[in-house]
Amino acid sequence: SGSPLPSFFLSQILDPLRAFIVCTSPRAITDLARWFLRNGHKCGLPVVRMKNNFAVEDSAEYDGNHDLMLCVLHTGVHGLSIIGEVQLHDGRMHALKVKVHRLYKVKR
């Protein structure tokens, strides 16, 4: 009928938009994060939250991933907004994570 979905249904959508960028160094991670903080609104992806998963190892939230997570807000043509996730990974840690995941799959 062309009417928007009721907000109840929209509240049930989890992680509809997720991307990761593999950086060459910790410096590249911080440079890219700064770029997003300064320029994200110009490309339609303003940062609404940033989480440093390099520093939460002792936290109850820690899930084993070391990255810098940026939550960005995208607003579509009809005014529907959605929050997406951009994860900034260190290249060496990402390569190790890929190897460990392969071992996990073989073990399964």
C-alpha atoms as a PDB file:
ATOM      1  CA  SER A   1       0.000   0.000   0.000  1.00  0.00           C
ATOM      2  CA  GLY A   2       3.044   2.257   0.074  1.00  0.00           C
ATOM      3  CA  SER A   3       2.742   3.110   3.767  1.00  0.00           C
ATOM      4  CA  PRO A   4       5.872   2.844   5.918  1.00  0.00           C
ATOM      5  CA  LEU A   5       6.425  -0.143   8.190  1.00  0.00           C
ATOM      6  CA  PRO A   6       5.220   0.267  11.767  1.00  0.00           C
ATOM      7  CA  SER A   7       8.078   1.216  14.095  1.00  0.00           C
ATOM      8  CA  PHE A   8       7.678  -2.108  15.955  1.00  0.00           C
ATOM      9  CA  PHE A   9       8.950  -4.002  12.920  1.00  0.00           C
ATOM     10  CA  LEU A  10      11.811  -1.599  12.398  1.00  0.00           C
ATOM     11  CA  SER A  11      12.913  -2.039  16.009  1.00  0.00           C
ATOM     12  CA  GLN A  12      13.423  -5.768  15.343  1.00  0.00           C
ATOM     13  CA  ILE A  13      16.074  -5.228  12.647  1.00  0.00           C
ATOM     14  CA  LEU A  14      19.554  -5.976  13.992  1.00  0.00           C
ATOM     15  CA  ASP A  15      22.810  -5.098  12.205  1.00  0.00           C
ATOM     16  CA  PRO A  16      21.357  -4.396   8.767  1.00  0.00           C
ATOM     17  CA  LEU A  17      24.452  -2.465   7.732  1.00  0.00           C
ATOM     18  CA  ARG A  18      27.936  -3.520   8.755  1.00  0.00           C
ATOM     19  CA  ALA A  19      31.288  -3.027   7.087  1.00  0.00           C
ATOM     20  CA  PHE A  20      34.896  -3.306   8.085  1.00  0.00           C
ATOM     21  CA  ILE A  21      37.991  -1.575   6.811  1.00  0.00           C
ATOM     22  CA  VAL A  22      41.388  -3.211   7.293  1.00  0.00           C
ATOM     23  CA  CYS A  23      44.023  -0.572   8.057  1.00  0.00           C
ATOM     24  CA  THR A  24      47.793  -0.891   7.686  1.00  0.00           C
ATOM     25  CA  SER A  25      48.674   0.429  11.149  1.00  0.00           C
ATOM     26  CA  PRO A  26      47.237   1.772  14.401  1.00  0.00           C
ATOM     27  CA  ARG A  27      48.017   5.268  13.090  1.00  0.00           C
ATOM     28  CA  ALA A  28      45.927   4.580   9.981  1.00  0.00           C
ATOM     29  CA  ILE A  29      43.036   3.509  12.234  1.00  0.00           C
ATOM     30  CA  THR A  30      43.135   6.758  14.202  1.00  0.00           C
ATOM     31  CA  ASP A  31      43.549   8.844  11.025  1.00  0.00           C
ATOM     32  CA  LEU A  32      40.526   7.173   9.419  1.00  0.00           C
ATOM     33  CA  ALA A  33      38.452   7.552  12.587  1.00  0.00           C
ATOM     34  CA  ARG A  34      39.313  11.263  12.682  1.00  0.00           C
ATOM     35  CA  TRP A  35      38.300  11.550   9.022  1.00  0.00           C
ATOM     36  CA  PHE A  36      34.898   9.984   9.744  1.00  0.00           C
ATOM     37  CA  LEU A  37      34.384  12.240  12.776  1.00  0.00           C
ATOM     38  CA  ARG A  38      35.192  15.366  10.740  1.00  0.00           C
ATOM     39  CA  ASN A  39      33.663  14.413   7.388  1.00  0.00           C
ATOM     40  CA  GLY A  40      31.090  11.655   7.891  1.00  0.00           C
ATOM     41  CA  HIS A  41      28.205  14.125   7.821  1.00  0.00           C
ATOM     42  CA  LYS A  42      29.392  15.385   4.402  1.00  0.00           C
ATOM     43  CA  CYS A  43      28.938  11.938   2.835  1.00  0.00           C
ATOM     44  CA  GLY A  44      25.695  11.148   4.662  1.00  0.00           C
ATOM     45  CA  LEU A  45      27.257   9.001   7.409  1.00  0.00           C
ATOM     46  CA  PRO A  46      27.696  11.118  10.554  1.00  0.00           C
ATOM     47  CA  VAL A  47      29.259   9.262  13.481  1.00  0.00           C
ATOM     48  CA  VAL A  48      26.805   8.937  16.379  1.00  0.00           C
ATOM     49  CA  ARG A  49      28.906   6.633  18.583  1.00  0.00           C
ATOM     50  CA  MET A  50      32.466   5.389  18.728  1.00  0.00           C
ATOM     51  CA  LYS A  51      33.625   2.357  20.695  1.00  0.00           C
ATOM     52  CA  ASN A  52      37.286   1.548  21.250  1.00  0.00           C
ATOM     53  CA  ASN A  53      37.430  -2.247  21.477  1.00  0.00           C
ATOM     54  CA  PHE A  54      41.186  -2.081  21.945  1.00  0.00           C
ATOM     55  CA  ALA A  55      40.540  -0.799  25.480  1.00  0.00           C
ATOM     56  CA  VAL A  56      37.628  -2.920  26.786  1.00  0.00           C
ATOM     57  CA  GLU A  57      39.309  -6.264  27.471  1.00  0.00           C
ATOM     58  CA  ASP A  58      38.271  -6.270  31.129  1.00  0.00           C
ATOM     59  CA  SER A  59      34.746  -5.114  30.355  1.00  0.00           C
ATOM     60  CA  ALA A  60      31.685  -7.348  30.471  1.00  0.00           C
ATOM     61  CA  GLU A  61      30.975  -6.111  26.910  1.00  0.00           C
ATOM     62  CA  TYR A  62      34.244  -7.473  25.490  1.00  0.00           C
ATOM     63  CA  ASP A  63      33.599 -10.029  22.748  1.00  0.00           C
ATOM     64  CA  GLY A  64      37.208 -10.820  21.793  1.00  0.00           C
ATOM     65  CA  ASN A  65      37.421  -8.414  18.882  1.00  0.00           C
ATOM     66  CA  HIS A  66      40.030  -5.687  18.858  1.00  0.00           C
ATOM     67  CA  ASP A  67      38.814  -2.904  16.608  1.00  0.00           C
ATOM     68  CA  LEU A  68      37.518   0.628  16.614  1.00  0.00           C
ATOM     69  CA  MET A  69      33.797   0.623  15.936  1.00  0.00           C
ATOM     70  CA  LEU A  70      32.001   3.630  14.505  1.00  0.00           C
ATOM     71  CA  CYS A  71      28.221   3.737  14.530  1.00  0.00           C
ATOM     72  CA  VAL A  72      27.046   5.914  11.661  1.00  0.00           C
ATOM     73  CA  LEU A  73      23.597   7.278  10.879  1.00  0.00           C
ATOM     74  CA  HIS A  74      22.237   6.942   7.354  1.00  0.00           C
ATOM     75  CA  THR A  75      19.024   8.738   6.427  1.00  0.00           C
ATOM     76  CA  GLY A  76      17.291   7.476   3.313  1.00  0.00           C
ATOM     77  CA  VAL A  77      15.291   9.347   0.699  1.00  0.00           C
ATOM     78  CA  HIS A  78      12.002   8.990   2.573  1.00  0.00           C
ATOM     79  CA  GLY A  79      13.463  10.122   5.898  1.00  0.00           C
ATOM     80  CA  LEU A  80      13.936   6.593   7.250  1.00  0.00           C
ATOM     81  CA  SER A  81      17.112   6.548   9.352  1.00  0.00           C
ATOM     82  CA  ILE A  82      19.184   3.523  10.168  1.00  0.00           C
ATOM     83  CA  ILE A  83      22.349   3.101  12.207  1.00  0.00           C
ATOM     84  CA  GLY A  84      25.152   1.117  10.628  1.00  0.00           C
ATOM     85  CA  GLU A  85      28.486  -0.075  11.888  1.00  0.00           C
ATOM     86  CA  VAL A  86      31.920   0.595  10.408  1.00  0.00           C
ATOM     87  CA  GLN A  87      34.660  -1.466  12.075  1.00  0.00           C
ATOM     88  CA  LEU A  88      38.265  -0.335  11.682  1.00  0.00           C
ATOM     89  CA  HIS A  89      40.654  -3.294  11.991  1.00  0.00           C
ATOM     90  CA  ASP A  90      44.434  -3.466  12.261  1.00  0.00           C
ATOM     91  CA  GLY A  91      45.817  -5.485   9.320  1.00  0.00           C
ATOM     92  CA  ARG A  92      48.013  -7.816  11.384  1.00  0.00           C
ATOM     93  CA  MET A  93      45.263  -8.564  13.896  1.00  0.00           C
ATOM     94  CA  HIS A  94      42.770  -9.115  11.093  1.00  0.00           C
ATOM     95  CA  ALA A  95      45.088 -11.605   9.344  1.00  0.00           C
ATOM     96  CA  LEU A  96      45.464 -13.528  12.606  1.00  0.00           C
ATOM     97  CA  LYS A  97      41.697 -13.503  13.149  1.00  0.00           C
ATOM     98  CA  VAL A  98      41.161 -14.975   9.650  1.00  0.00           C
ATOM     99  CA  LYS A  99      43.665 -17.789  10.367  1.00  0.00           C
ATOM    100  CA  VAL A 100      42.102 -18.585  13.741  1.00  0.00           C
ATOM    101  CA  HIS A 101      38.636 -18.647  12.164  1.00  0.00           C
ATOM    102  CA  ARG A 102      39.840 -21.143   9.544  1.00  0.00           C
ATOM    103  CA  LEU A 103      41.108 -23.419  12.342  1.00  0.00           C
ATOM    104  CA  TYR A 104      37.772 -23.054  14.115  1.00  0.00           C
ATOM    105  CA  LYS A 105      35.928 -24.122  10.948  1.00  0.00           C
ATOM    106  CA  VAL A 106      38.197 -27.166  10.498  1.00  0.00           C
ATOM    107  CA  LYS A 107      37.697 -28.173  14.134  1.00  0.00           C
ATOM    108  CA  ARG A 108      33.902 -27.952  13.787  1.00  0.00           C
END
